[in-house]
Amino acid sequence: MGQAKSGDTVLIHYTGKLEDGSIFETSKDQEPLLLTIGQNKTIQVLEDAIVGMKPGEIKTLKIMAIDAYGPYHKELVKTVSRSVIDKGIEPKVGQKLQATRIDGRKVSVTIKNISEKSVTFDANHPLAGQDLTFDVQLMEIV
């Protein structure tokens, strides 16, 4: 039984939790996540922690916000006129939309507040500014 190393493709089960212990994501009731270590397809600290693990091994990782989804940036919260929302879309708090920045780039935003004349969007990642805990189990090195 070998240990996982950079470049290996692995199957893992994981559970991600917030500081209050609530689960924000888990693979436990589905197929394990397939990833290749070193391709940076997930949080780097998580990939790094898999290196050296053996199949069946479980680790609990505490990942600081700066190493996960970064800090929360207040400047990424903007209030705009409701007229900027496409006709036919009825905005709802919590709804996720694609927005186009002034420079033409697309960005995912979440509606935070709605008034009669305006909508407040948040372009931060939903987990920005939060320290996370992951329970990770290496299922298999494929």
N, C-alpha and C. Protein backbone atom coordinates (compact mmCIF):
# COMPACT_ATOMS: atom_id res chain seq x y z
N MET A 1 0.85 -1.18 0.00
CA MET A 1 0.00 0.00 0.00
C MET A 1 0.89 1.24 0.00
N GLY A 2 0.81 2.05 -1.08
CA GLY A 2 1.66 3.22 -1.21
C GLY A 2 1.05 4.45 -0.59
N GLN A 3 1.83 5.50 -0.65
CA GLN A 3 1.40 6.81 -0.17
C GLN A 3 1.14 7.71 -1.36
N ALA A 4 0.17 8.58 -1.23
CA ALA A 4 -0.15 9.53 -2.30
C ALA A 4 0.99 10.53 -2.46
N LYS A 5 1.28 10.86 -3.72
CA LYS A 5 2.32 11.84 -4.01
C LYS A 5 1.83 12.78 -5.09
N SER A 6 2.53 13.88 -5.27
CA SER A 6 2.16 14.86 -6.29
C SER A 6 2.13 14.17 -7.65
N GLY A 7 1.08 14.46 -8.41
CA GLY A 7 0.90 13.84 -9.72
C GLY A 7 -0.02 12.64 -9.70
N ASP A 8 -0.24 12.05 -8.51
CA ASP A 8 -1.15 10.91 -8.40
C ASP A 8 -2.60 11.36 -8.56
N THR A 9 -3.40 10.51 -9.17
CA THR A 9 -4.85 10.71 -9.21
C THR A 9 -5.43 9.89 -8.08
N VAL A 10 -6.26 10.53 -7.27
CA VAL A 10 -6.79 9.90 -6.06
C VAL A 10 -8.30 10.07 -5.98
N LEU A 11 -8.91 9.21 -5.20
CA LEU A 11 -10.32 9.33 -4.83
C LEU A 11 -10.37 9.66 -3.35
N ILE A 12 -11.09 10.74 -3.01
CA ILE A 12 -11.22 11.11 -1.60
C ILE A 12 -12.69 11.35 -1.25
N HIS A 13 -12.99 11.10 0.00
CA HIS A 13 -14.25 11.58 0.57
C HIS A 13 -13.87 12.73 1.49
N TYR A 14 -14.72 13.73 1.55
CA TYR A 14 -14.43 14.90 2.38
C TYR A 14 -15.71 15.46 2.95
N THR A 15 -15.55 16.17 4.06
CA THR A 15 -16.63 16.95 4.64
C THR A 15 -16.03 18.29 5.03
N GLY A 16 -16.61 19.36 4.51
CA GLY A 16 -16.17 20.71 4.83
C GLY A 16 -17.11 21.34 5.84
N LYS A 17 -16.51 21.92 6.90
CA LYS A 17 -17.32 22.53 7.97
C LYS A 17 -16.87 23.96 8.24
N LEU A 18 -17.84 24.76 8.66
CA LEU A 18 -17.56 26.12 9.10
C LEU A 18 -17.11 26.09 10.56
N GLU A 19 -16.70 27.24 11.07
CA GLU A 19 -16.22 27.31 12.46
C GLU A 19 -17.26 26.87 13.48
N ASP A 20 -18.54 27.06 13.17
CA ASP A 20 -19.59 26.66 14.11
C ASP A 20 -19.92 25.17 14.01
N GLY A 21 -19.20 24.44 13.14
CA GLY A 21 -19.41 23.00 12.98
C GLY A 21 -20.42 22.62 11.92
N SER A 22 -21.12 23.62 11.35
CA SER A 22 -22.10 23.29 10.31
C SER A 22 -21.39 22.86 9.03
N ILE A 23 -21.97 21.90 8.36
CA ILE A 23 -21.39 21.34 7.13
C ILE A 23 -21.83 22.18 5.94
N PHE A 24 -20.87 22.64 5.14
CA PHE A 24 -21.21 23.39 3.93
C PHE A 24 -21.11 22.52 2.68
N GLU A 25 -20.39 21.40 2.78
CA GLU A 25 -20.29 20.51 1.62
C GLU A 25 -19.71 19.17 2.08
N THR A 26 -20.21 18.09 1.48
CA THR A 26 -19.68 16.76 1.78
C THR A 26 -19.85 15.85 0.57
N SER A 27 -19.00 14.87 0.48
CA SER A 27 -19.10 13.87 -0.59
C SER A 27 -19.59 12.54 -0.03
N LYS A 28 -19.90 12.49 1.24
CA LYS A 28 -20.23 11.22 1.91
C LYS A 28 -21.40 10.46 1.28
N ASP A 29 -22.40 11.15 0.77
CA ASP A 29 -23.57 10.47 0.21
C ASP A 29 -23.51 10.38 -1.31
N GLN A 30 -22.30 10.49 -1.85
CA GLN A 30 -22.15 10.43 -3.30
C GLN A 30 -20.82 9.76 -3.63
N GLU A 31 -20.48 9.75 -4.91
CA GLU A 31 -19.21 9.17 -5.32
C GLU A 31 -18.06 10.00 -4.74
N PRO A 32 -16.93 9.37 -4.43
CA PRO A 32 -15.78 10.14 -3.95
C PRO A 32 -15.30 11.12 -5.02
N LEU A 33 -14.64 12.16 -4.59
CA LEU A 33 -14.08 13.16 -5.49
C LEU A 33 -12.80 12.61 -6.12
N LEU A 34 -12.71 12.72 -7.45
CA LEU A 34 -11.52 12.30 -8.19
C LEU A 34 -10.69 13.55 -8.46
N LEU A 35 -9.43 13.53 -8.03
CA LEU A 35 -8.58 14.68 -8.32
C LEU A 35 -7.14 14.22 -8.51
N THR A 36 -6.41 15.01 -9.27
CA THR A 36 -4.99 14.75 -9.48
C THR A 36 -4.22 15.77 -8.64
N ILE A 37 -3.42 15.26 -7.72
CA ILE A 37 -2.67 16.11 -6.81
C ILE A 37 -1.67 16.95 -7.61
N GLY A 38 -1.72 18.26 -7.39
CA GLY A 38 -0.79 19.16 -8.05
C GLY A 38 -1.40 19.92 -9.22
N GLN A 39 -2.63 19.60 -9.59
CA GLN A 39 -3.29 20.32 -10.68
C GLN A 39 -4.03 21.56 -10.20
N ASN A 40 -4.03 21.78 -8.89
CA ASN A 40 -4.65 22.97 -8.29
C ASN A 40 -6.12 23.12 -8.67
N LYS A 41 -6.86 22.03 -8.64
CA LYS A 41 -8.30 22.06 -8.94
C LYS A 41 -9.13 22.27 -7.68
N THR A 42 -8.49 22.27 -6.54
CA THR A 42 -9.17 22.50 -5.27
C THR A 42 -8.25 23.35 -4.39
N ILE A 43 -8.61 23.56 -3.16
CA ILE A 43 -7.80 24.37 -2.24
C ILE A 43 -6.41 23.74 -2.11
N GLN A 44 -5.37 24.53 -2.32
CA GLN A 44 -3.99 24.03 -2.33
C GLN A 44 -3.63 23.31 -1.03
N VAL A 45 -4.00 23.87 0.11
CA VAL A 45 -3.68 23.25 1.40
C VAL A 45 -4.30 21.85 1.48
N LEU A 46 -5.49 21.69 0.92
CA LEU A 46 -6.16 20.38 0.91
C LEU A 46 -5.36 19.39 0.07
N GLU A 47 -4.97 19.80 -1.13
CA GLU A 47 -4.15 18.93 -1.99
C GLU A 47 -2.85 18.56 -1.29
N ASP A 48 -2.19 19.55 -0.71
CA ASP A 48 -0.91 19.29 -0.03
C ASP A 48 -1.07 18.28 1.10
N ALA A 49 -2.19 18.32 1.80
CA ALA A 49 -2.41 17.42 2.94
C ALA A 49 -2.59 15.98 2.50
N ILE A 50 -3.04 15.76 1.28
CA ILE A 50 -3.25 14.40 0.78
C ILE A 50 -1.91 13.72 0.50
N VAL A 51 -0.90 14.52 0.16
CA VAL A 51 0.43 13.96 -0.10
C VAL A 51 0.91 13.23 1.16
N GLY A 52 1.32 11.99 1.00
CA GLY A 52 1.80 11.19 2.12
C GLY A 52 0.73 10.32 2.77
N MET A 53 -0.53 10.54 2.42
CA MET A 53 -1.60 9.73 2.99
C MET A 53 -1.63 8.35 2.33
N LYS A 54 -2.09 7.37 3.07
CA LYS A 54 -2.29 6.01 2.56
C LYS A 54 -3.78 5.76 2.41
N PRO A 55 -4.19 4.90 1.46
CA PRO A 55 -5.62 4.58 1.33
C PRO A 55 -6.23 4.16 2.68
N GLY A 56 -7.39 4.73 2.98
CA GLY A 56 -8.09 4.47 4.24
C GLY A 56 -7.77 5.49 5.32
N GLU A 57 -6.67 6.21 5.17
CA GLU A 57 -6.26 7.18 6.17
C GLU A 57 -7.20 8.39 6.17
N ILE A 58 -7.44 8.94 7.36
CA ILE A 58 -8.31 10.11 7.54
C ILE A 58 -7.49 11.22 8.19
N LYS A 59 -7.69 12.43 7.70
CA LYS A 59 -7.06 13.61 8.30
C LYS A 59 -8.12 14.67 8.52
N THR A 60 -7.92 15.48 9.55
CA THR A 60 -8.73 16.67 9.77
C THR A 60 -7.81 17.86 9.60
N LEU A 61 -8.24 18.78 8.72
CA LEU A 61 -7.43 19.95 8.40
C LEU A 61 -8.17 21.22 8.79
N LYS A 62 -7.47 22.13 9.41
CA LYS A 62 -8.00 23.47 9.68
C LYS A 62 -7.34 24.37 8.65
N ILE A 63 -8.15 25.01 7.80
CA ILE A 63 -7.63 25.87 6.74
C ILE A 63 -8.08 27.30 7.02
N MET A 64 -7.11 28.17 7.17
CA MET A 64 -7.40 29.57 7.45
C MET A 64 -8.00 30.21 6.19
N ALA A 65 -8.83 31.21 6.38
CA ALA A 65 -9.53 31.88 5.27
C ALA A 65 -8.57 32.31 4.16
N ILE A 66 -7.43 32.85 4.52
CA ILE A 66 -6.46 33.34 3.54
C ILE A 66 -5.98 32.22 2.62
N ASP A 67 -5.95 30.99 3.13
CA ASP A 67 -5.50 29.83 2.34
C ASP A 67 -6.66 29.10 1.68
N ALA A 68 -7.88 29.50 1.98
CA ALA A 68 -9.06 28.83 1.40
C ALA A 68 -9.60 29.71 0.27
N TYR A 69 -10.56 30.56 0.58
CA TYR A 69 -11.18 31.42 -0.44
C TYR A 69 -10.84 32.89 -0.25
N GLY A 70 -9.84 33.15 0.57
CA GLY A 70 -9.35 34.50 0.75
C GLY A 70 -10.20 35.32 1.71
N PRO A 71 -9.77 36.56 1.95
CA PRO A 71 -10.51 37.44 2.85
C PRO A 71 -11.79 37.94 2.19
N TYR A 72 -12.69 38.43 3.02
CA TYR A 72 -13.92 39.05 2.53
C TYR A 72 -13.60 40.49 2.18
N HIS A 73 -13.92 40.90 0.95
CA HIS A 73 -13.64 42.26 0.48
C HIS A 73 -14.94 43.06 0.38
N LYS A 74 -15.08 44.06 1.26
CA LYS A 74 -16.29 44.89 1.26
C LYS A 74 -16.48 45.62 -0.07
N GLU A 75 -15.37 45.92 -0.76
CA GLU A 75 -15.47 46.63 -2.03
C GLU A 75 -16.08 45.78 -3.14
N LEU A 76 -16.26 44.49 -2.91
CA LEU A 76 -16.92 43.61 -3.89
C LEU A 76 -18.43 43.56 -3.69
N VAL A 77 -18.94 44.36 -2.77
CA VAL A 77 -20.38 44.48 -2.55
C VAL A 77 -20.81 45.80 -3.17
N LYS A 78 -21.73 45.73 -4.12
CA LYS A 78 -22.16 46.92 -4.86
C LYS A 78 -23.68 46.99 -4.90
N THR A 79 -24.20 48.19 -4.78
CA THR A 79 -25.63 48.43 -4.92
C THR A 79 -25.84 49.16 -6.25
N VAL A 80 -26.75 48.61 -7.06
CA VAL A 80 -27.02 49.17 -8.39
C VAL A 80 -28.52 49.32 -8.58
N SER A 81 -28.90 50.06 -9.59
CA SER A 81 -30.30 50.24 -9.94
C SER A 81 -30.89 48.91 -10.39
N ARG A 82 -32.13 48.67 -10.02
CA ARG A 82 -32.81 47.43 -10.47
C ARG A 82 -32.88 47.34 -11.99
N SER A 83 -32.76 48.47 -12.66
CA SER A 83 -32.87 48.48 -14.12
C SER A 83 -31.73 47.73 -14.79
N VAL A 84 -30.63 47.44 -14.07
CA VAL A 84 -29.51 46.71 -14.68
C VAL A 84 -29.80 45.21 -14.79
N ILE A 85 -30.84 44.75 -14.09
CA ILE A 85 -31.19 43.33 -14.15
C ILE A 85 -32.03 43.08 -15.39
N ASP A 86 -31.68 42.03 -16.12
CA ASP A 86 -32.40 41.69 -17.34
C ASP A 86 -33.89 41.56 -17.07
N LYS A 87 -34.67 42.06 -18.01
CA LYS A 87 -36.12 41.88 -17.93
C LYS A 87 -36.42 40.38 -17.92
N GLY A 88 -37.42 39.99 -17.20
CA GLY A 88 -37.77 38.57 -17.12
C GLY A 88 -37.13 37.87 -15.93
N ILE A 89 -36.15 38.51 -15.28
CA ILE A 89 -35.55 37.94 -14.07
C ILE A 89 -36.17 38.63 -12.87
N GLU A 90 -36.78 37.86 -12.02
CA GLU A 90 -37.34 38.40 -10.78
C GLU A 90 -36.31 38.14 -9.67
N PRO A 91 -35.57 39.15 -9.24
CA PRO A 91 -34.49 38.93 -8.27
C PRO A 91 -35.01 38.48 -6.91
N LYS A 92 -34.22 37.60 -6.30
CA LYS A 92 -34.52 37.09 -4.95
C LYS A 92 -33.24 37.11 -4.14
N VAL A 93 -33.33 37.45 -2.86
CA VAL A 93 -32.17 37.43 -1.98
C VAL A 93 -31.61 36.01 -1.96
N GLY A 94 -30.27 35.90 -2.12
CA GLY A 94 -29.60 34.61 -2.14
C GLY A 94 -29.41 34.06 -3.55
N GLN A 95 -30.11 34.64 -4.51
CA GLN A 95 -30.01 34.19 -5.89
C GLN A 95 -28.61 34.48 -6.44
N LYS A 96 -28.07 33.53 -7.21
CA LYS A 96 -26.77 33.71 -7.84
C LYS A 96 -26.97 34.05 -9.31
N LEU A 97 -26.23 35.05 -9.77
CA LEU A 97 -26.32 35.50 -11.16
C LEU A 97 -24.93 35.71 -11.73
N GLN A 98 -24.84 35.75 -13.05
CA GLN A 98 -23.61 36.16 -13.73
C GLN A 98 -23.75 37.63 -14.05
N ALA A 99 -22.75 38.41 -13.71
CA ALA A 99 -22.74 39.84 -14.02
C ALA A 99 -21.55 40.13 -14.92
N THR A 100 -21.64 41.21 -15.66
CA THR A 100 -20.54 41.63 -16.51
C THR A 100 -19.95 42.91 -15.92
N ARG A 101 -18.64 42.85 -15.66
CA ARG A 101 -17.95 44.02 -15.11
C ARG A 101 -17.76 45.07 -16.19
N ILE A 102 -17.37 46.25 -15.79
CA ILE A 102 -17.12 47.35 -16.73
C ILE A 102 -16.06 46.94 -17.76
N ASP A 103 -15.07 46.12 -17.33
CA ASP A 103 -14.01 45.70 -18.25
C ASP A 103 -14.43 44.52 -19.14
N GLY A 104 -15.70 44.09 -19.02
CA GLY A 104 -16.22 43.03 -19.87
C GLY A 104 -16.09 41.62 -19.29
N ARG A 105 -15.36 41.46 -18.19
CA ARG A 105 -15.21 40.14 -17.59
C ARG A 105 -16.49 39.72 -16.87
N LYS A 106 -16.77 38.43 -16.90
CA LYS A 106 -17.93 37.87 -16.20
C LYS A 106 -17.53 37.57 -14.75
N VAL A 107 -18.49 37.77 -13.87
CA VAL A 107 -18.26 37.49 -12.46
C VAL A 107 -19.56 36.93 -11.86
N SER A 108 -19.42 35.95 -10.97
CA SER A 108 -20.57 35.41 -10.27
C SER A 108 -20.87 36.30 -9.07
N VAL A 109 -22.14 36.61 -8.89
CA VAL A 109 -22.56 37.46 -7.78
C VAL A 109 -23.76 36.82 -7.08
N THR A 110 -23.93 37.18 -5.83
CA THR A 110 -25.08 36.74 -5.04
C THR A 110 -25.87 37.97 -4.64
N ILE A 111 -27.17 37.91 -4.81
CA ILE A 111 -28.02 39.04 -4.40
C ILE A 111 -28.13 39.04 -2.87
N LYS A 112 -27.75 40.16 -2.26
CA LYS A 112 -27.76 40.29 -0.81
C LYS A 112 -28.96 41.08 -0.29
N ASN A 113 -29.44 42.04 -1.11
CA ASN A 113 -30.54 42.88 -0.66
C ASN A 113 -31.27 43.43 -1.88
N ILE A 114 -32.57 43.62 -1.72
CA ILE A 114 -33.40 44.16 -2.81
C ILE A 114 -34.31 45.23 -2.22
N SER A 115 -34.38 46.35 -2.91
CA SER A 115 -35.36 47.37 -2.55
C SER A 115 -36.17 47.66 -3.81
N GLU A 116 -37.09 48.58 -3.70
CA GLU A 116 -37.93 48.92 -4.84
C GLU A 116 -37.10 49.45 -6.01
N LYS A 117 -36.01 50.16 -5.69
CA LYS A 117 -35.23 50.80 -6.75
C LYS A 117 -33.83 50.22 -6.96
N SER A 118 -33.35 49.40 -6.02
CA SER A 118 -31.98 48.93 -6.15
C SER A 118 -31.81 47.46 -5.75
N VAL A 119 -30.66 46.93 -6.15
CA VAL A 119 -30.27 45.56 -5.81
C VAL A 119 -28.82 45.61 -5.33
N THR A 120 -28.52 44.90 -4.24
CA THR A 120 -27.15 44.82 -3.75
C THR A 120 -26.59 43.46 -4.09
N PHE A 121 -25.45 43.47 -4.80
CA PHE A 121 -24.76 42.25 -5.22
C PHE A 121 -23.49 42.08 -4.40
N ASP A 122 -23.12 40.83 -4.16
CA ASP A 122 -21.87 40.50 -3.49
C ASP A 122 -21.08 39.57 -4.41
N ALA A 123 -19.89 40.00 -4.84
CA ALA A 123 -19.06 39.20 -5.74
C ALA A 123 -18.01 38.38 -4.99
N ASN A 124 -18.02 38.41 -3.66
CA ASN A 124 -17.13 37.56 -2.89
C ASN A 124 -17.56 36.10 -3.03
N HIS A 125 -16.60 35.18 -2.93
CA HIS A 125 -16.96 33.76 -2.85
C HIS A 125 -17.79 33.58 -1.58
N PRO A 126 -18.82 32.74 -1.61
CA PRO A 126 -19.66 32.56 -0.42
C PRO A 126 -18.89 32.16 0.85
N LEU A 127 -17.71 31.56 0.70
CA LEU A 127 -16.93 31.15 1.86
C LEU A 127 -15.74 32.08 2.14
N ALA A 128 -15.67 33.20 1.43
CA ALA A 128 -14.58 34.17 1.66
C ALA A 128 -14.63 34.66 3.09
N GLY A 129 -13.45 34.80 3.69
CA GLY A 129 -13.35 35.32 5.04
C GLY A 129 -13.62 34.31 6.13
N GLN A 130 -13.84 33.06 5.76
CA GLN A 130 -14.17 32.05 6.77
C GLN A 130 -13.07 30.99 6.87
N ASP A 131 -12.70 30.68 8.10
CA ASP A 131 -11.79 29.56 8.34
C ASP A 131 -12.61 28.28 8.19
N LEU A 132 -12.01 27.28 7.56
CA LEU A 132 -12.72 26.04 7.26
C LEU A 132 -12.02 24.84 7.89
N THR A 133 -12.80 23.80 8.16
CA THR A 133 -12.25 22.53 8.62
C THR A 133 -12.70 21.46 7.64
N PHE A 134 -11.76 20.63 7.20
CA PHE A 134 -12.08 19.53 6.31
C PHE A 134 -11.68 18.22 6.96
N ASP A 135 -12.58 17.26 6.94
CA ASP A 135 -12.26 15.88 7.25
C ASP A 135 -12.07 15.21 5.89
N VAL A 136 -10.89 14.63 5.66
CA VAL A 136 -10.55 14.04 4.37
C VAL A 136 -10.16 12.59 4.58
N GLN A 137 -10.73 11.71 3.76
CA GLN A 137 -10.34 10.30 3.77
C GLN A 137 -9.87 9.93 2.37
N LEU A 138 -8.61 9.44 2.30
CA LEU A 138 -8.10 8.95 1.02
C LEU A 138 -8.68 7.56 0.80
N MET A 139 -9.50 7.42 -0.24
CA MET A 139 -10.14 6.15 -0.53
C MET A 139 -9.25 5.25 -1.38
N GLU A 140 -8.60 5.86 -2.39
CA GLU A 140 -7.85 5.05 -3.34
C GLU A 140 -6.88 5.92 -4.12
N ILE A 141 -5.72 5.35 -4.44
CA ILE A 141 -4.81 5.96 -5.40
C ILE A 141 -5.03 5.20 -6.68
N VAL A 142 -5.53 5.88 -7.72
CA VAL A 142 -5.90 5.17 -8.96
C VAL A 142 -4.82 5.24 -10.02
